[in-house]
Amino acid sequence: MTLVKFKKTRLPWYDTMFNDLLGSDRLLTNDFLTENKWIPAMNIRETEEFFEIEMAAPGFTKKDFEISIENGLLKISAEKKEEMEEEIENYTRREFNYNSFLRSFTLPDNVNEEEMIDATYNRGILKLVLNKVHTDEIIPKRVIEVH
């Protein structure tokens, strides 16, 4: 007797659809949830005195940005909504646009969170300067011996 293996499918898309959707972990990954979201490109430069963050975010204004530091976490977000409506005789044209993003970073221990951060926005580039804590202000790590 010879065994012949064949694929029995009632609908041509049945196998691939469920395997793609349920048979992989991509449904629960961050990439799946943010696949079509726009995240601005950025550069980080470190010197002895400060960190400089440059973020390419064209199309926004200074008022659109919200920048905050809380518990060692730097959050940079922006949101812009635009609506336009034009009425000509029996025709109405409505257009709207919505852009937003949120990026957050855990700051290193040597960033001075208390000192004012310099933030500027010019020609589509958001620039942040985060000052460092001077080395004499950093509290050294203390090792506690167990007896």
N, C-alpha and C. Protein backbone atom coordinates (compact mmCIF):
# COMPACT_ATOMS: atom_id res chain seq x y z
N MET A 1 0.85 -1.17 0.00
CA MET A 1 0.00 0.00 0.00
C MET A 1 0.90 1.24 0.00
N THR A 2 0.56 2.25 -0.79
CA THR A 2 1.30 3.49 -0.90
C THR A 2 0.50 4.62 -0.28
N LEU A 3 1.19 5.37 0.59
CA LEU A 3 0.54 6.54 1.18
C LEU A 3 0.85 7.77 0.35
N VAL A 4 -0.17 8.52 0.06
CA VAL A 4 -0.01 9.75 -0.70
C VAL A 4 -0.48 10.89 0.18
N LYS A 5 0.39 11.85 0.38
CA LYS A 5 0.05 13.01 1.20
C LYS A 5 -0.49 14.10 0.30
N PHE A 6 -1.65 14.61 0.62
CA PHE A 6 -2.20 15.72 -0.13
C PHE A 6 -2.85 16.70 0.83
N LYS A 7 -3.03 17.88 0.33
CA LYS A 7 -3.59 18.97 1.14
C LYS A 7 -5.07 19.09 0.81
N LYS A 8 -5.88 18.93 1.81
CA LYS A 8 -7.32 19.02 1.61
C LYS A 8 -7.77 20.39 2.12
N THR A 9 -8.15 21.27 1.22
CA THR A 9 -8.58 22.61 1.59
C THR A 9 -9.92 22.89 0.94
N ARG A 10 -10.82 23.35 1.74
CA ARG A 10 -12.14 23.67 1.20
C ARG A 10 -12.16 25.07 0.57
N LEU A 11 -11.46 26.00 1.22
CA LEU A 11 -11.38 27.36 0.68
C LEU A 11 -9.92 27.69 0.45
N PRO A 12 -9.57 28.30 -0.66
CA PRO A 12 -8.16 28.53 -0.97
C PRO A 12 -7.44 29.45 0.02
N TRP A 13 -8.13 30.35 0.66
CA TRP A 13 -7.48 31.29 1.56
C TRP A 13 -7.50 30.83 3.02
N TYR A 14 -8.19 29.74 3.29
CA TYR A 14 -8.43 29.28 4.66
C TYR A 14 -7.13 29.02 5.42
N ASP A 15 -6.25 28.19 4.86
CA ASP A 15 -5.02 27.81 5.57
C ASP A 15 -4.11 29.00 5.83
N THR A 16 -3.86 29.79 4.84
CA THR A 16 -2.91 30.88 5.01
C THR A 16 -3.46 31.98 5.92
N MET A 17 -4.74 32.26 5.84
CA MET A 17 -5.29 33.34 6.66
C MET A 17 -5.15 33.04 8.14
N PHE A 18 -5.57 31.86 8.57
CA PHE A 18 -5.53 31.54 9.99
C PHE A 18 -4.10 31.28 10.47
N ASN A 19 -3.27 30.69 9.64
CA ASN A 19 -1.87 30.51 10.03
C ASN A 19 -1.17 31.85 10.17
N ASP A 20 -1.43 32.77 9.25
CA ASP A 20 -0.80 34.08 9.33
C ASP A 20 -1.27 34.85 10.55
N LEU A 21 -2.56 34.79 10.82
CA LEU A 21 -3.11 35.58 11.91
C LEU A 21 -2.91 34.93 13.27
N LEU A 22 -3.23 33.66 13.39
CA LEU A 22 -3.19 33.00 14.70
C LEU A 22 -1.94 32.17 14.93
N GLY A 23 -1.27 31.79 13.87
CA GLY A 23 -0.13 30.91 14.01
C GLY A 23 1.18 31.62 14.25
N SER A 24 1.16 32.92 14.38
CA SER A 24 2.41 33.64 14.63
C SER A 24 2.22 34.58 15.81
N ASP A 25 3.34 35.06 16.32
CA ASP A 25 3.30 35.96 17.46
C ASP A 25 3.22 37.43 17.04
N ARG A 26 3.17 37.70 15.75
CA ARG A 26 3.23 39.09 15.33
C ARG A 26 1.98 39.88 15.69
N LEU A 27 0.90 39.18 16.04
CA LEU A 27 -0.32 39.88 16.46
C LEU A 27 -0.10 40.63 17.76
N LEU A 28 0.78 40.13 18.61
CA LEU A 28 0.98 40.73 19.93
C LEU A 28 2.25 41.55 20.05
N THR A 29 2.94 41.77 18.97
CA THR A 29 4.18 42.53 19.04
C THR A 29 3.90 44.01 18.90
N ASN A 30 4.86 44.82 19.35
CA ASN A 30 4.72 46.27 19.22
C ASN A 30 4.73 46.70 17.76
N ASP A 31 5.48 45.98 16.92
CA ASP A 31 5.52 46.33 15.50
C ASP A 31 4.16 46.22 14.85
N PHE A 32 3.38 45.23 15.26
CA PHE A 32 2.04 45.06 14.70
C PHE A 32 1.15 46.24 15.08
N LEU A 33 1.28 46.70 16.32
CA LEU A 33 0.42 47.77 16.80
C LEU A 33 0.84 49.14 16.27
N THR A 34 2.11 49.32 15.95
CA THR A 34 2.60 50.62 15.51
C THR A 34 3.10 50.59 14.06
N GLU A 35 2.63 49.63 13.30
CA GLU A 35 3.16 49.44 11.95
C GLU A 35 3.01 50.69 11.09
N ASN A 36 1.89 51.38 11.18
CA ASN A 36 1.66 52.53 10.32
C ASN A 36 1.86 53.86 11.04
N LYS A 37 2.40 53.83 12.24
CA LYS A 37 2.64 55.07 12.96
C LYS A 37 3.95 55.69 12.52
N TRP A 38 3.97 57.01 12.53
CA TRP A 38 5.17 57.74 12.16
C TRP A 38 5.95 58.07 13.42
N ILE A 39 7.21 57.71 13.43
CA ILE A 39 8.10 58.03 14.55
C ILE A 39 9.26 58.83 13.98
N PRO A 40 9.48 60.04 14.50
CA PRO A 40 10.54 60.88 13.93
C PRO A 40 11.95 60.32 14.17
N ALA A 41 12.80 60.54 13.18
CA ALA A 41 14.20 60.13 13.30
C ALA A 41 14.90 61.07 14.28
N MET A 42 15.93 60.53 14.95
CA MET A 42 16.62 61.36 15.92
C MET A 42 18.10 61.01 16.02
N ASN A 43 18.87 61.97 16.53
CA ASN A 43 20.29 61.80 16.79
C ASN A 43 20.53 62.19 18.24
N ILE A 44 21.44 61.47 18.90
CA ILE A 44 21.84 61.81 20.26
C ILE A 44 23.35 61.96 20.27
N ARG A 45 23.79 63.09 20.79
CA ARG A 45 25.23 63.37 20.87
C ARG A 45 25.57 63.64 22.33
N GLU A 46 26.68 63.04 22.78
CA GLU A 46 27.11 63.22 24.16
C GLU A 46 28.44 63.94 24.19
N THR A 47 28.53 64.96 25.04
CA THR A 47 29.79 65.64 25.31
C THR A 47 30.07 65.48 26.80
N GLU A 48 31.14 66.09 27.25
CA GLU A 48 31.47 65.99 28.68
C GLU A 48 30.50 66.80 29.53
N GLU A 49 29.87 67.81 28.96
CA GLU A 49 28.99 68.70 29.72
C GLU A 49 27.49 68.42 29.54
N PHE A 50 27.09 67.84 28.42
CA PHE A 50 25.66 67.70 28.14
C PHE A 50 25.39 66.59 27.13
N PHE A 51 24.08 66.24 27.03
CA PHE A 51 23.56 65.39 25.97
C PHE A 51 22.76 66.30 25.04
N GLU A 52 22.89 66.10 23.75
CA GLU A 52 22.13 66.87 22.78
C GLU A 52 21.28 65.91 21.96
N ILE A 53 19.98 66.14 21.94
CA ILE A 53 19.04 65.31 21.19
C ILE A 53 18.46 66.16 20.06
N GLU A 54 18.58 65.67 18.84
CA GLU A 54 17.97 66.33 17.69
C GLU A 54 16.95 65.37 17.10
N MET A 55 15.74 65.89 16.89
CA MET A 55 14.65 65.07 16.38
C MET A 55 14.04 65.75 15.15
N ALA A 56 13.95 65.02 14.04
CA ALA A 56 13.37 65.56 12.82
C ALA A 56 11.85 65.43 12.90
N ALA A 57 11.17 66.56 13.09
CA ALA A 57 9.72 66.57 13.23
C ALA A 57 9.13 67.72 12.42
N PRO A 58 9.20 67.65 11.09
CA PRO A 58 8.69 68.75 10.26
C PRO A 58 7.17 68.83 10.29
N GLY A 59 6.67 70.04 10.06
CA GLY A 59 5.23 70.25 9.98
C GLY A 59 4.56 70.63 11.28
N PHE A 60 5.30 70.66 12.36
CA PHE A 60 4.75 71.05 13.65
C PHE A 60 5.14 72.48 13.97
N THR A 61 4.53 73.03 15.01
CA THR A 61 4.92 74.33 15.54
C THR A 61 5.40 74.13 16.97
N LYS A 62 5.97 75.16 17.56
CA LYS A 62 6.48 75.07 18.92
C LYS A 62 5.38 74.71 19.92
N LYS A 63 4.18 75.18 19.65
CA LYS A 63 3.06 74.94 20.56
C LYS A 63 2.57 73.50 20.53
N ASP A 64 2.91 72.75 19.47
CA ASP A 64 2.44 71.37 19.33
C ASP A 64 3.19 70.38 20.22
N PHE A 65 4.35 70.76 20.74
CA PHE A 65 5.20 69.84 21.50
C PHE A 65 4.88 69.87 22.98
N GLU A 66 5.01 68.70 23.60
CA GLU A 66 4.95 68.59 25.05
C GLU A 66 6.15 67.75 25.48
N ILE A 67 6.99 68.33 26.31
CA ILE A 67 8.21 67.66 26.77
C ILE A 67 8.19 67.64 28.29
N SER A 68 8.40 66.44 28.86
CA SER A 68 8.37 66.34 30.32
C SER A 68 9.39 65.31 30.80
N ILE A 69 9.83 65.50 32.05
CA ILE A 69 10.71 64.54 32.72
C ILE A 69 10.05 64.17 34.03
N GLU A 70 9.91 62.85 34.24
CA GLU A 70 9.33 62.38 35.48
C GLU A 70 9.97 61.05 35.84
N ASN A 71 10.53 60.97 37.03
CA ASN A 71 11.16 59.75 37.54
C ASN A 71 12.20 59.17 36.58
N GLY A 72 13.03 60.03 36.01
CA GLY A 72 14.09 59.57 35.13
C GLY A 72 13.65 59.20 33.73
N LEU A 73 12.42 59.56 33.36
CA LEU A 73 11.88 59.24 32.05
C LEU A 73 11.60 60.54 31.28
N LEU A 74 12.23 60.71 30.14
CA LEU A 74 12.00 61.87 29.28
C LEU A 74 10.94 61.50 28.26
N LYS A 75 9.86 62.28 28.20
CA LYS A 75 8.78 62.06 27.23
C LYS A 75 8.70 63.25 26.29
N ILE A 76 8.73 62.94 25.00
CA ILE A 76 8.59 63.96 23.96
C ILE A 76 7.40 63.56 23.11
N SER A 77 6.42 64.45 23.04
CA SER A 77 5.25 64.15 22.22
C SER A 77 4.83 65.41 21.47
N ALA A 78 4.11 65.20 20.39
CA ALA A 78 3.57 66.31 19.60
C ALA A 78 2.27 65.85 18.97
N GLU A 79 1.38 66.81 18.80
CA GLU A 79 0.08 66.52 18.21
C GLU A 79 -0.37 67.73 17.40
N LYS A 80 -0.81 67.48 16.18
CA LYS A 80 -1.25 68.56 15.33
C LYS A 80 -2.51 68.12 14.58
N LYS A 81 -3.52 68.97 14.66
CA LYS A 81 -4.78 68.72 13.96
C LYS A 81 -5.05 69.89 13.02
N GLU A 82 -5.42 69.58 11.81
CA GLU A 82 -5.77 70.62 10.83
C GLU A 82 -7.09 70.23 10.15
N GLU A 83 -7.96 71.22 10.02
CA GLU A 83 -9.22 71.00 9.31
C GLU A 83 -9.44 72.14 8.34
N MET A 84 -9.99 71.81 7.19
CA MET A 84 -10.30 72.82 6.19
C MET A 84 -11.65 72.47 5.57
N GLU A 85 -12.49 73.46 5.43
CA GLU A 85 -13.79 73.24 4.81
C GLU A 85 -14.02 74.32 3.77
N GLU A 86 -14.48 73.90 2.60
CA GLU A 86 -14.71 74.83 1.50
C GLU A 86 -16.09 74.52 0.90
N GLU A 87 -16.92 75.56 0.82
CA GLU A 87 -18.26 75.37 0.24
C GLU A 87 -18.39 76.21 -1.01
N ILE A 88 -18.75 75.55 -2.11
CA ILE A 88 -19.00 76.22 -3.38
C ILE A 88 -20.33 75.70 -3.91
N GLU A 89 -21.31 76.57 -4.01
CA GLU A 89 -22.67 76.24 -4.45
C GLU A 89 -23.18 74.99 -3.74
N ASN A 90 -23.38 73.89 -4.43
CA ASN A 90 -23.93 72.67 -3.84
C ASN A 90 -22.83 71.66 -3.47
N TYR A 91 -21.61 72.12 -3.39
CA TYR A 91 -20.48 71.21 -3.17
C TYR A 91 -19.73 71.64 -1.90
N THR A 92 -19.50 70.69 -1.04
CA THR A 92 -18.71 70.95 0.17
C THR A 92 -17.51 70.03 0.17
N ARG A 93 -16.35 70.62 0.38
CA ARG A 93 -15.13 69.83 0.47
C ARG A 93 -14.55 70.00 1.87
N ARG A 94 -14.31 68.88 2.53
CA ARG A 94 -13.73 68.89 3.86
C ARG A 94 -12.45 68.07 3.83
N GLU A 95 -11.42 68.65 4.37
CA GLU A 95 -10.16 67.93 4.49
C GLU A 95 -9.67 68.08 5.92
N PHE A 96 -9.06 67.03 6.42
CA PHE A 96 -8.49 67.11 7.75
C PHE A 96 -7.22 66.27 7.78
N ASN A 97 -6.36 66.66 8.69
CA ASN A 97 -5.08 65.98 8.84
C ASN A 97 -4.77 65.89 10.32
N TYR A 98 -4.21 64.77 10.73
CA TYR A 98 -3.87 64.57 12.14
C TYR A 98 -2.52 63.87 12.20
N ASN A 99 -1.57 64.49 12.87
CA ASN A 99 -0.24 63.91 13.08
C ASN A 99 0.07 63.92 14.56
N SER A 100 0.66 62.84 15.03
CA SER A 100 1.08 62.80 16.42
C SER A 100 2.18 61.76 16.57
N PHE A 101 2.95 61.92 17.64
CA PHE A 101 3.94 60.92 18.01
C PHE A 101 4.25 61.05 19.48
N LEU A 102 4.81 59.99 20.04
CA LEU A 102 5.26 59.98 21.42
C LEU A 102 6.52 59.13 21.48
N ARG A 103 7.58 59.70 22.02
CA ARG A 103 8.81 58.95 22.25
C ARG A 103 9.20 59.17 23.70
N SER A 104 9.66 58.10 24.34
CA SER A 104 10.11 58.23 25.72
C SER A 104 11.44 57.51 25.88
N PHE A 105 12.27 58.07 26.77
CA PHE A 105 13.62 57.58 26.98
C PHE A 105 13.92 57.54 28.47
N THR A 106 14.59 56.50 28.90
CA THR A 106 15.09 56.44 30.26
C THR A 106 16.41 57.20 30.28
N LEU A 107 16.48 58.19 31.14
CA LEU A 107 17.67 59.02 31.20
C LEU A 107 18.78 58.36 32.01
N PRO A 108 20.02 58.55 31.60
CA PRO A 108 21.13 58.02 32.42
C PRO A 108 21.21 58.75 33.76
N ASP A 109 21.89 58.15 34.70
CA ASP A 109 21.99 58.73 36.05
C ASP A 109 22.72 60.06 36.08
N ASN A 110 23.58 60.31 35.11
CA ASN A 110 24.37 61.55 35.15
C ASN A 110 23.67 62.74 34.49
N VAL A 111 22.37 62.65 34.18
CA VAL A 111 21.62 63.80 33.66
C VAL A 111 21.05 64.58 34.83
N ASN A 112 21.22 65.89 34.78
CA ASN A 112 20.71 66.77 35.82
C ASN A 112 19.24 67.07 35.53
N GLU A 113 18.34 66.36 36.19
CA GLU A 113 16.90 66.53 35.95
C GLU A 113 16.36 67.83 36.55
N GLU A 114 17.04 68.36 37.55
CA GLU A 114 16.57 69.56 38.24
C GLU A 114 16.84 70.83 37.44
N GLU A 115 17.90 70.83 36.67
CA GLU A 115 18.30 72.01 35.92
C GLU A 115 17.43 72.18 34.68
N MET A 116 17.25 73.40 34.27
CA MET A 116 16.44 73.73 33.10
C MET A 116 17.00 73.05 31.85
N ILE A 117 16.12 72.49 31.04
CA ILE A 117 16.50 71.88 29.77
C ILE A 117 16.28 72.91 28.68
N ASP A 118 17.25 73.04 27.80
CA ASP A 118 17.12 73.97 26.68
C ASP A 118 16.45 73.24 25.52
N ALA A 119 15.29 73.74 25.07
CA ALA A 119 14.56 73.14 23.96
C ALA A 119 14.29 74.20 22.91
N THR A 120 14.69 73.92 21.67
CA THR A 120 14.43 74.83 20.55
C THR A 120 13.85 74.04 19.39
N TYR A 121 13.04 74.73 18.58
CA TYR A 121 12.47 74.12 17.38
C TYR A 121 12.68 75.10 16.23
N ASN A 122 13.42 74.65 15.22
CA ASN A 122 13.74 75.51 14.10
C ASN A 122 13.80 74.68 12.82
N ARG A 123 13.04 75.08 11.82
CA ARG A 123 13.03 74.43 10.50
C ARG A 123 12.83 72.92 10.57
N GLY A 124 11.89 72.50 11.39
CA GLY A 124 11.54 71.08 11.46
C GLY A 124 12.41 70.24 12.36
N ILE A 125 13.36 70.85 13.06
CA ILE A 125 14.26 70.11 13.94
C ILE A 125 14.03 70.55 15.39
N LEU A 126 13.64 69.60 16.23
CA LEU A 126 13.52 69.84 17.67
C LEU A 126 14.87 69.49 18.30
N LYS A 127 15.42 70.41 19.06
CA LYS A 127 16.73 70.21 19.67
C LYS A 127 16.62 70.39 21.18
N LEU A 128 17.06 69.37 21.92
CA LEU A 128 17.06 69.41 23.38
C LEU A 128 18.49 69.30 23.86
N VAL A 129 18.82 70.07 24.88
CA VAL A 129 20.13 69.97 25.51
C VAL A 129 19.90 69.63 26.98
N LEU A 130 20.40 68.47 27.40
CA LEU A 130 20.26 68.00 28.77
C LEU A 130 21.62 68.09 29.44
N ASN A 131 21.73 68.92 30.45
CA ASN A 131 23.00 69.08 31.15
C ASN A 131 23.29 67.87 32.03
N LYS A 132 24.57 67.59 32.15
CA LYS A 132 25.01 66.49 33.00
C LYS A 132 25.29 66.98 34.41
N VAL A 133 25.22 66.07 35.35
CA VAL A 133 25.61 66.35 36.72
C VAL A 133 27.13 66.31 36.74
N HIS A 134 27.74 67.26 37.42
CA HIS A 134 29.19 67.26 37.52
C HIS A 134 29.64 66.05 38.32
N THR A 135 30.79 65.53 37.98
CA THR A 135 31.26 64.28 38.58
C THR A 135 31.38 64.35 40.09
N ASP A 136 31.66 65.52 40.65
CA ASP A 136 31.76 65.62 42.10
C ASP A 136 30.40 65.58 42.77
N GLU A 137 29.30 65.80 42.00
CA GLU A 137 27.96 65.76 42.57
C GLU A 137 27.34 64.36 42.57
N ILE A 138 27.92 63.43 41.81
CA ILE A 138 27.38 62.09 41.74
C ILE A 138 27.73 61.35 43.03
N ILE A 139 26.72 60.77 43.63
CA ILE A 139 26.94 60.02 44.87
C ILE A 139 27.49 58.66 44.47
N PRO A 140 28.64 58.29 45.01
CA PRO A 140 29.23 57.01 44.62
C PRO A 140 28.39 55.84 45.12
N LYS A 141 28.52 54.74 44.41
CA LYS A 141 27.81 53.52 44.77
C LYS A 141 28.34 53.01 46.10
N ARG A 142 27.44 52.63 46.95
CA ARG A 142 27.82 52.15 48.28
C ARG A 142 27.50 50.67 48.38
N VAL A 143 28.50 49.88 48.70
CA VAL A 143 28.31 48.45 48.84
C VAL A 143 28.12 48.13 50.30
N ILE A 144 27.10 47.38 50.59
CA ILE A 144 26.81 46.99 51.98
C ILE A 144 27.12 45.51 52.14
N GLU A 145 27.95 45.23 53.11
CA GLU A 145 28.37 43.86 53.34
C GLU A 145 27.37 43.17 54.24
N VAL A 146 27.03 41.95 53.87
CA VAL A 146 26.10 41.14 54.68
C VAL A 146 26.91 40.33 55.68
N HIS A 147 26.54 40.38 56.98
CA HIS A 147 27.25 39.63 58.04
C HIS A 147 26.50 38.39 58.43
